[in-house]
């Protein structure tokens, strides 16, 4: 009896590769949570520092604007005072920047002449000079300098210089006026009797001159505090 299949070779099936499972798609770099968290942190930090920079910049700009406004107010207040002095004193004397003003420059020569003679119309001249000094003194003294410089950013020392300059100028005007009136009194005396009166008048003029020097010093310091530079005039200029 024959055995079936003897001598036959079975065909082996080829080995199949293992089935592949689904491969996850890589997350894009920009969408990774760690990257997004880091980016958010950096963005927040930049926003914070940008806000700080902007705030500081606005503060500096505001301070600069306020400083410039204060500087302008100080210059205006000082310029108004300076213009008043130059205008008023200029009506009875001479004002030259950098030197003490000259008030009633004709008075010294008149007083000197009265020691020997009585010039024509000398009394009228002296009375008019005294009236002019009184008017200028009244105008300058009535000027509300304190109000003009208040709230303009002047420190107490600068404000005091302004007030000192005003007081010195008013005093110099009053002293010069008194000297002119003493000249009127001397002109009505005999020449021989005028010595004492004229000496007193000349003493008042000397005191007025020294007072004007102090005025110029205080005035210059006050104007410099306001940002106005006054160049001193060289002797002989």
C-alpha atoms as a PDB file:
ATOM      1  CA  UNK A   1       0.000   0.000   0.000  1.00  0.00           C
ATOM      2  CA  UNK A   2       1.400   3.272  -1.052  1.00  0.00           C
ATOM      3  CA  UNK A   3       1.757   6.140   1.337  1.00  0.00           C
ATOM      4  CA  UNK A   4       0.224   9.288  -0.027  1.00  0.00           C
ATOM      5  CA  UNK A   5       2.312  12.318  -0.200  1.00  0.00           C
ATOM      6  CA  UNK A   6       5.568  10.587   0.308  1.00  0.00           C
ATOM      7  CA  UNK A   7       8.296  12.301  -1.435  1.00  0.00           C
ATOM      8  CA  UNK A   8       6.464  15.650  -1.682  1.00  0.00           C
ATOM      9  CA  UNK A   9       7.972  18.819  -0.261  1.00  0.00           C
ATOM     10  CA  UNK A  10       5.692  21.381   1.343  1.00  0.00           C
ATOM     11  CA  UNK A  11       6.166  24.971   0.171  1.00  0.00           C
ATOM     12  CA  UNK A  12       7.022  27.220   3.101  1.00  0.00           C
ATOM     13  CA  UNK A  13       5.408  30.635   3.264  1.00  0.00           C
ATOM     14  CA  UNK A  14       7.836  33.609   3.461  1.00  0.00           C
ATOM     15  CA  UNK A  15       8.238  35.233   6.854  1.00  0.00           C
ATOM     16  CA  UNK A  16       6.257  38.393   7.006  1.00  0.00           C
ATOM     17  CA  UNK A  17       7.533  41.515   8.683  1.00  0.00           C
ATOM     18  CA  UNK A  18       5.775  42.488  11.881  1.00  0.00           C
ATOM     19  CA  UNK A  19       2.928  44.818  11.384  1.00  0.00           C
ATOM     20  CA  UNK A  20       3.754  48.455  12.120  1.00  0.00           C
ATOM     21  CA  UNK A  21       1.599  50.321  14.567  1.00  0.00           C
ATOM     22  CA  UNK A  22       0.555  53.972  14.038  1.00  0.00           C
ATOM     23  CA  UNK A  23       3.565  56.323  14.397  1.00  0.00           C
ATOM     24  CA  UNK A  24       2.755  59.523  16.329  1.00  0.00           C
ATOM     25  CA  UNK A  25       3.362  62.725  14.359  1.00  0.00           C
ATOM     26  CA  UNK A  26       6.041  64.929  16.060  1.00  0.00           C
ATOM     27  CA  UNK A  27       4.639  68.105  17.652  1.00  0.00           C
ATOM     28  CA  UNK A  28       5.963  71.236  15.879  1.00  0.00           C
ATOM     29  CA  UNK A  29       8.608  73.067  17.875  1.00  0.00           C
ATOM     30  CA  UNK A  30       6.541  76.240  18.208  1.00  0.00           C
ATOM     31  CA  UNK A  31       3.583  74.300  19.588  1.00  0.00           C
ATOM     32  CA  UNK A  32       5.433  72.481  22.313  1.00  0.00           C
ATOM     33  CA  UNK A  33       4.210  73.393  25.760  1.00  0.00           C
ATOM     34  CA  UNK A  34       7.648  74.097  27.160  1.00  0.00           C
ATOM     35  CA  UNK A  35       8.503  76.365  24.259  1.00  0.00           C
ATOM     36  CA  UNK A  36       5.199  78.176  24.546  1.00  0.00           C
ATOM     37  CA  UNK A  37       5.648  78.640  28.298  1.00  0.00           C
ATOM     38  CA  UNK A  38       9.158  80.005  27.802  1.00  0.00           C
ATOM     39  CA  UNK A  39       7.951  82.319  25.033  1.00  0.00           C
ATOM     40  CA  UNK A  40       5.120  83.567  27.216  1.00  0.00           C
ATOM     41  CA  UNK A  41       7.553  84.216  30.068  1.00  0.00           C
ATOM     42  CA  UNK A  42       9.950  86.137  27.825  1.00  0.00           C
ATOM     43  CA  UNK A  43       7.076  88.118  26.284  1.00  0.00           C
ATOM     44  CA  UNK A  44       5.778  88.998  29.739  1.00  0.00           C
ATOM     45  CA  UNK A  45       9.262  90.049  30.834  1.00  0.00           C
ATOM     46  CA  UNK A  46       9.702  92.217  27.752  1.00  0.00           C
ATOM     47  CA  UNK A  47       6.279  93.748  28.289  1.00  0.00           C
ATOM     48  CA  UNK A  48       7.136  94.498  31.907  1.00  0.00           C
ATOM     49  CA  UNK A  49      10.469  96.125  31.127  1.00  0.00           C
ATOM     50  CA  UNK A  50       8.930  97.962  28.186  1.00  0.00           C
ATOM     51  CA  UNK A  51       6.332  99.396  30.544  1.00  0.00           C
ATOM     52  CA  UNK A  52       9.029 100.397  33.017  1.00  0.00           C
ATOM     53  CA  UNK A  53      11.078 102.032  30.251  1.00  0.00           C
ATOM     54  CA  UNK A  54       8.037 103.881  28.923  1.00  0.00           C
ATOM     55  CA  UNK A  55       6.990 105.036  32.392  1.00  0.00           C
ATOM     56  CA  UNK A  56      10.487 106.259  33.231  1.00  0.00           C
ATOM     57  CA  UNK A  57      10.713 108.007  29.892  1.00  0.00           C
ATOM     58  CA  UNK A  58       7.412 109.780  30.451  1.00  0.00           C
ATOM     59  CA  UNK A  59       8.509 110.799  33.947  1.00  0.00           C
ATOM     60  CA  UNK A  60      11.780 112.213  32.664  1.00  0.00           C
ATOM     61  CA  UNK A  61       9.936 114.024  29.884  1.00  0.00           C
ATOM     62  CA  UNK A  62       7.469 115.441  32.388  1.00  0.00           C
ATOM     63  CA  UNK A  63      10.244 116.584  34.720  1.00  0.00           C
ATOM     64  CA  UNK A  64      12.074 118.172  31.808  1.00  0.00           C
ATOM     65  CA  UNK A  65       8.944 119.984  30.667  1.00  0.00           C
ATOM     66  CA  UNK A  66       8.252 121.251  34.186  1.00  0.00           C
ATOM     67  CA  UNK A  67      11.870 122.358  34.600  1.00  0.00           C
ATOM     68  CA  UNK A  68      11.790 124.231  31.311  1.00  0.00           C
ATOM     69  CA  UNK A  69       8.501 125.879  32.296  1.00  0.00           C
ATOM     70  CA  UNK A  70       9.984 126.970  35.637  1.00  0.00           C
ATOM     71  CA  UNK A  71      13.080 128.315  33.900  1.00  0.00           C
ATOM     72  CA  UNK A  72      10.897 130.336  31.552  1.00  0.00           C
ATOM     73  CA  UNK A  73       8.849 131.746  34.434  1.00  0.00           C
ATOM     74  CA  UNK A  74      12.008 132.743  36.306  1.00  0.00           C
ATOM     75  CA  UNK A  75      13.473 134.487  33.272  1.00  0.00           C
ATOM     76  CA  UNK A  76      10.241 136.340  32.617  1.00  0.00           C
ATOM     77  CA  UNK A  77       9.952 137.526  36.222  1.00  0.00           C
ATOM     78  CA  UNK A  78      13.592 138.646  36.287  1.00  0.00           C
ATOM     79  CA  UNK A  79      13.323 140.316  32.875  1.00  0.00           C
ATOM     80  CA  UNK A  80      10.257 142.288  33.980  1.00  0.00           C
ATOM     81  CA  UNK A  81      12.104 143.562  37.036  1.00  0.00           C
ATOM     82  CA  UNK A  82      15.247 144.340  35.045  1.00  0.00           C
ATOM     83  CA  UNK A  83      13.246 146.246  32.423  1.00  0.00           C
ATOM     84  CA  UNK A  84      11.464 148.247  35.112  1.00  0.00           C
ATOM     85  CA  UNK A  85      14.753 149.290  36.693  1.00  0.00           C
ATOM     86  CA  UNK A  86      16.348 150.233  33.392  1.00  0.00           C
ATOM     87  CA  UNK A  87      13.293 152.183  32.236  1.00  0.00           C
ATOM     88  CA  UNK A  88      12.673 154.111  35.447  1.00  0.00           C
ATOM     89  CA  UNK A  89      16.270 154.867  36.388  1.00  0.00           C
ATOM     90  CA  UNK A  90      16.964 155.771  32.778  1.00  0.00           C
ATOM     91  CA  UNK A  91      14.571 158.731  33.081  1.00  0.00           C
ATOM     92  CA  UNK A  92      16.766 160.450  35.668  1.00  0.00           C
ATOM     93  CA  UNK A  93      20.153 158.846  35.136  1.00  0.00           C
ATOM     94  CA  UNK A  94      22.161 156.322  33.223  1.00  0.00           C
ATOM     95  CA  UNK A  95      21.954 152.531  33.214  1.00  0.00           C
ATOM     96  CA  UNK A  96      24.755 150.488  31.704  1.00  0.00           C
ATOM     97  CA  UNK A  97      24.808 146.716  31.984  1.00  0.00           C
ATOM     98  CA  UNK A  98      27.543 145.406  34.225  1.00  0.00           C
ATOM     99  CA  UNK A  99      28.099 148.641  36.186  1.00  0.00           C
ATOM    100  CA  UNK A 100      26.169 150.397  38.967  1.00  0.00           C
ATOM    101  CA  UNK A 101      23.565 152.828  37.617  1.00  0.00           C
ATOM    102  CA  UNK A 102      24.157 156.563  37.831  1.00  0.00           C
ATOM    103  CA  UNK A 103      21.363 158.598  39.425  1.00  0.00           C
ATOM    104  CA  UNK A 104      21.005 162.335  38.757  1.00  0.00           C
ATOM    105  CA  UNK A 105      24.573 162.713  37.446  1.00  0.00           C
ATOM    106  CA  UNK A 106      24.282 166.523  37.416  1.00  0.00           C
ATOM    107  CA  UNK A 107      23.887 166.838  41.194  1.00  0.00           C
ATOM    108  CA  UNK A 108      27.581 166.482  42.233  1.00  0.00           C
ATOM    109  CA  UNK A 109      28.675 169.253  39.872  1.00  0.00           C
ATOM    110  CA  UNK A 110      25.863 171.542  41.046  1.00  0.00           C
ATOM    111  CA  UNK A 111      26.765 171.037  44.704  1.00  0.00           C
ATOM    112  CA  UNK A 112      30.418 171.743  43.946  1.00  0.00           C
ATOM    113  CA  UNK A 113      29.471 174.963  42.137  1.00  0.00           C
ATOM    114  CA  UNK A 114      27.355 176.136  45.072  1.00  0.00           C
ATOM    115  CA  UNK A 115      30.485 176.400  47.196  1.00  0.00           C
ATOM    116  CA  UNK A 116      31.491 179.538  45.290  1.00  0.00           C
ATOM    117  CA  UNK A 117      28.418 180.942  43.583  1.00  0.00           C
ATOM    118  CA  UNK A 118      24.721 180.573  42.924  1.00  0.00           C
ATOM    119  CA  UNK A 119      24.035 179.567  39.311  1.00  0.00           C
ATOM    120  CA  UNK A 120      20.849 180.828  37.695  1.00  0.00           C
ATOM    121  CA  UNK A 121      17.802 178.584  38.157  1.00  0.00           C
ATOM    122  CA  UNK A 122      19.827 176.223  40.347  1.00  0.00           C
ATOM    123  CA  UNK A 123      17.007 175.929  42.885  1.00  0.00           C
ATOM    124  CA  UNK A 124      14.512 174.930  40.186  1.00  0.00           C
ATOM    125  CA  UNK A 125      16.962 172.433  38.743  1.00  0.00           C
ATOM    126  CA  UNK A 126      17.563 170.814  42.113  1.00  0.00           C
ATOM    127  CA  UNK A 127      13.875 170.711  42.971  1.00  0.00           C
ATOM    128  CA  UNK A 128      13.032 169.055  39.667  1.00  0.00           C
ATOM    129  CA  UNK A 129      15.820 166.532  40.195  1.00  0.00           C
ATOM    130  CA  UNK A 130      14.530 165.748  43.687  1.00  0.00           C
ATOM    131  CA  UNK A 131      10.989 165.335  42.337  1.00  0.00           C
ATOM    132  CA  UNK A 132      12.235 162.977  39.634  1.00  0.00           C
ATOM    133  CA  UNK A 133      14.086 160.842  42.177  1.00  0.00           C
ATOM    134  CA  UNK A 134      10.996 160.709  44.382  1.00  0.00           C
ATOM    135  CA  UNK A 135       8.802 159.584  41.481  1.00  0.00           C
ATOM    136  CA  UNK A 136      11.185 156.844  40.400  1.00  0.00           C
ATOM    137  CA  UNK A 137      11.659 155.684  43.978  1.00  0.00           C
ATOM    138  CA  UNK A 138       7.903 155.504  44.443  1.00  0.00           C
ATOM    139  CA  UNK A 139       7.389 153.504  41.240  1.00  0.00           C
ATOM    140  CA  UNK A 140      10.123 150.993  42.036  1.00  0.00           C
ATOM    141  CA  UNK A 141       9.102 150.714  45.676  1.00  0.00           C
ATOM    142  CA  UNK A 142       5.473 150.104  44.711  1.00  0.00           C
ATOM    143  CA  UNK A 143       6.363 147.312  42.293  1.00  0.00           C
ATOM    144  CA  UNK A 144       5.148 144.042  43.822  1.00  0.00           C
ATOM    145  CA  UNK A 145       8.435 142.231  43.386  1.00  0.00           C
ATOM    146  CA  UNK A 146       7.590 139.599  46.010  1.00  0.00           C
ATOM    147  CA  UNK A 147       4.504 138.523  44.110  1.00  0.00           C
ATOM    148  CA  UNK A 148       6.362 138.642  40.813  1.00  0.00           C
ATOM    149  CA  UNK A 149       8.979 136.107  41.907  1.00  0.00           C
ATOM    150  CA  UNK A 150       6.780 133.902  44.116  1.00  0.00           C
ATOM    151  CA  UNK A 151       5.980 130.483  42.680  1.00  0.00           C
ATOM    152  CA  UNK A 152       8.589 130.788  39.925  1.00  0.00           C
ATOM    153  CA  UNK A 153      11.030 128.262  41.362  1.00  0.00           C
ATOM    154  CA  UNK A 154      13.419 130.705  43.033  1.00  0.00           C
ATOM    155  CA  UNK A 155      15.121 129.406  46.149  1.00  0.00           C
ATOM    156  CA  UNK A 156      14.982 131.603  49.281  1.00  0.00           C
ATOM    157  CA  UNK A 157      18.504 132.949  48.717  1.00  0.00           C
ATOM    158  CA  UNK A 158      17.692 134.073  45.176  1.00  0.00           C
ATOM    159  CA  UNK A 159      14.425 135.678  46.284  1.00  0.00           C
ATOM    160  CA  UNK A 160      16.302 137.529  49.014  1.00  0.00           C
ATOM    161  CA  UNK A 161      18.782 138.875  46.464  1.00  0.00           C
ATOM    162  CA  UNK A 162      15.952 140.360  44.411  1.00  0.00           C
ATOM    163  CA  UNK A 163      14.410 142.033  47.452  1.00  0.00           C
ATOM    164  CA  UNK A 164      17.794 143.279  48.652  1.00  0.00           C
ATOM    165  CA  UNK A 165      18.514 144.782  45.235  1.00  0.00           C
ATOM    166  CA  UNK A 166      15.183 146.599  45.258  1.00  0.00           C
ATOM    167  CA  UNK A 167      15.716 147.964  48.766  1.00  0.00           C
ATOM    168  CA  UNK A 168      19.237 149.139  47.926  1.00  0.00           C
ATOM    169  CA  UNK A 169      18.037 150.913  44.793  1.00  0.00           C
ATOM    170  CA  UNK A 170      15.185 152.660  46.590  1.00  0.00           C
ATOM    171  CA  UNK A 171      17.584 153.732  49.328  1.00  0.00           C
ATOM    172  CA  UNK A 172      20.059 155.135  46.798  1.00  0.00           C
ATOM    173  CA  UNK A 173      17.272 157.109  45.105  1.00  0.00           C
ATOM    174  CA  UNK A 174      16.105 158.536  48.438  1.00  0.00           C
ATOM    175  CA  UNK A 175      19.633 159.489  49.476  1.00  0.00           C
ATOM    176  CA  UNK A 176      20.221 161.264  46.169  1.00  0.00           C
ATOM    177  CA  UNK A 177      16.919 163.086  46.528  1.00  0.00           C
ATOM    178  CA  UNK A 178      17.878 164.252  50.030  1.00  0.00           C
ATOM    179  CA  UNK A 179      21.210 165.489  48.697  1.00  0.00           C
ATOM    180  CA  UNK A 180      19.398 167.525  46.027  1.00  0.00           C
ATOM    181  CA  UNK A 181      17.082 169.044  48.627  1.00  0.00           C
ATOM    182  CA  UNK A 182      20.057 169.956  50.788  1.00  0.00           C
ATOM    183  CA  UNK A 183      21.441 171.696  47.714  1.00  0.00           C
ATOM    184  CA  UNK A 184      18.229 173.713  47.518  1.00  0.00           C
ATOM    185  CA  UNK A 185      18.651 174.680  51.155  1.00  0.00           C
ATOM    186  CA  UNK A 186      22.296 175.613  50.600  1.00  0.00           C
ATOM    187  CA  UNK A 187      21.442 177.752  47.567  1.00  0.00           C
ATOM    188  CA  UNK A 188      19.233 179.922  49.756  1.00  0.00           C
ATOM    189  CA  UNK A 189      22.064 180.605  52.178  1.00  0.00           C
ATOM    190  CA  UNK A 190      24.962 182.946  51.798  1.00  0.00           C
ATOM    191  CA  UNK A 191      27.961 181.350  50.148  1.00  0.00           C
ATOM    192  CA  UNK A 192      29.942 181.583  53.370  1.00  0.00           C
ATOM    193  CA  UNK A 193      27.268 179.650  55.284  1.00  0.00           C
ATOM    194  CA  UNK A 194      26.837 176.758  52.848  1.00  0.00           C
ATOM    195  CA  UNK A 195      29.800 174.628  53.889  1.00  0.00           C
ATOM    196  CA  UNK A 196      28.127 172.398  56.485  1.00  0.00           C
ATOM    197  CA  UNK A 197      24.984 171.836  54.417  1.00  0.00           C
ATOM    198  CA  UNK A 198      26.942 171.045  51.255  1.00  0.00           C
ATOM    199  CA  UNK A 199      29.247 168.692  53.142  1.00  0.00           C
ATOM    200  CA  UNK A 200      26.222 166.768  54.373  1.00  0.00           C
ATOM    201  CA  UNK A 201      24.791 166.644  50.848  1.00  0.00           C
ATOM    202  CA  UNK A 202      28.070 165.297  49.466  1.00  0.00           C
ATOM    203  CA  UNK A 203      28.148 162.709  52.252  1.00  0.00           C
ATOM    204  CA  UNK A 204      24.699 161.516  51.207  1.00  0.00           C
ATOM    205  CA  UNK A 205      25.844 161.242  47.593  1.00  0.00           C
ATOM    206  CA  UNK A 206      28.822 159.128  48.658  1.00  0.00           C
ATOM    207  CA  UNK A 207      26.526 156.878  50.651  1.00  0.00           C
ATOM    208  CA  UNK A 208      24.175 156.622  47.664  1.00  0.00           C
ATOM    209  CA  UNK A 209      27.108 155.649  45.460  1.00  0.00           C
ATOM    210  CA  UNK A 210      28.143 152.840  47.818  1.00  0.00           C
ATOM    211  CA  UNK A 211      24.536 151.694  47.997  1.00  0.00           C
ATOM    212  CA  UNK A 212      24.343 151.487  44.204  1.00  0.00           C
ATOM    213  CA  UNK A 213      27.417 149.250  44.207  1.00  0.00           C
ATOM    214  CA  UNK A 214      25.650 146.890  46.603  1.00  0.00           C
ATOM    215  CA  UNK A 215      22.547 147.077  44.426  1.00  0.00           C
ATOM    216  CA  UNK A 216      24.555 146.059  41.370  1.00  0.00           C
ATOM    217  CA  UNK A 217      26.039 143.104  43.238  1.00  0.00           C
ATOM    218  CA  UNK A 218      22.677 141.821  44.463  1.00  0.00           C
ATOM    219  CA  UNK A 219      21.022 142.532  41.137  1.00  0.00           C
ATOM    220  CA  UNK A 220      23.643 140.549  39.242  1.00  0.00           C
ATOM    221  CA  UNK A 221      23.316 137.580  41.601  1.00  0.00           C
ATOM    222  CA  UNK A 222      19.525 137.658  41.356  1.00  0.00           C
ATOM    223  CA  UNK A 223      19.559 137.767  37.557  1.00  0.00           C
ATOM    224  CA  UNK A 224      22.061 134.915  37.361  1.00  0.00           C
ATOM    225  CA  UNK A 225      19.764 132.850  39.589  1.00  0.00           C
ATOM    226  CA  UNK A 226      17.090 133.418  36.942  1.00  0.00           C
ATOM    227  CA  UNK A 227      19.391 132.324  34.125  1.00  0.00           C
ATOM    228  CA  UNK A 228      20.167 135.842  32.906  1.00  0.00           C
ATOM    229  CA  UNK A 229      23.899 136.480  32.632  1.00  0.00           C
ATOM    230  CA  UNK A 230      25.082 140.037  33.089  1.00  0.00           C
ATOM    231  CA  UNK A 231      28.578 140.600  31.784  1.00  0.00           C
ATOM    232  CA  UNK A 232      30.582 143.078  33.860  1.00  0.00           C
ATOM    233  CA  UNK A 233      31.754 146.138  31.987  1.00  0.00           C
ATOM    234  CA  UNK A 234      35.515 146.593  31.958  1.00  0.00           C
ATOM    235  CA  UNK A 235      36.858 149.876  33.315  1.00  0.00           C
ATOM    236  CA  UNK A 236      37.173 152.422  30.575  1.00  0.00           C
ATOM    237  CA  UNK A 237      34.869 150.516  28.232  1.00  0.00           C
END
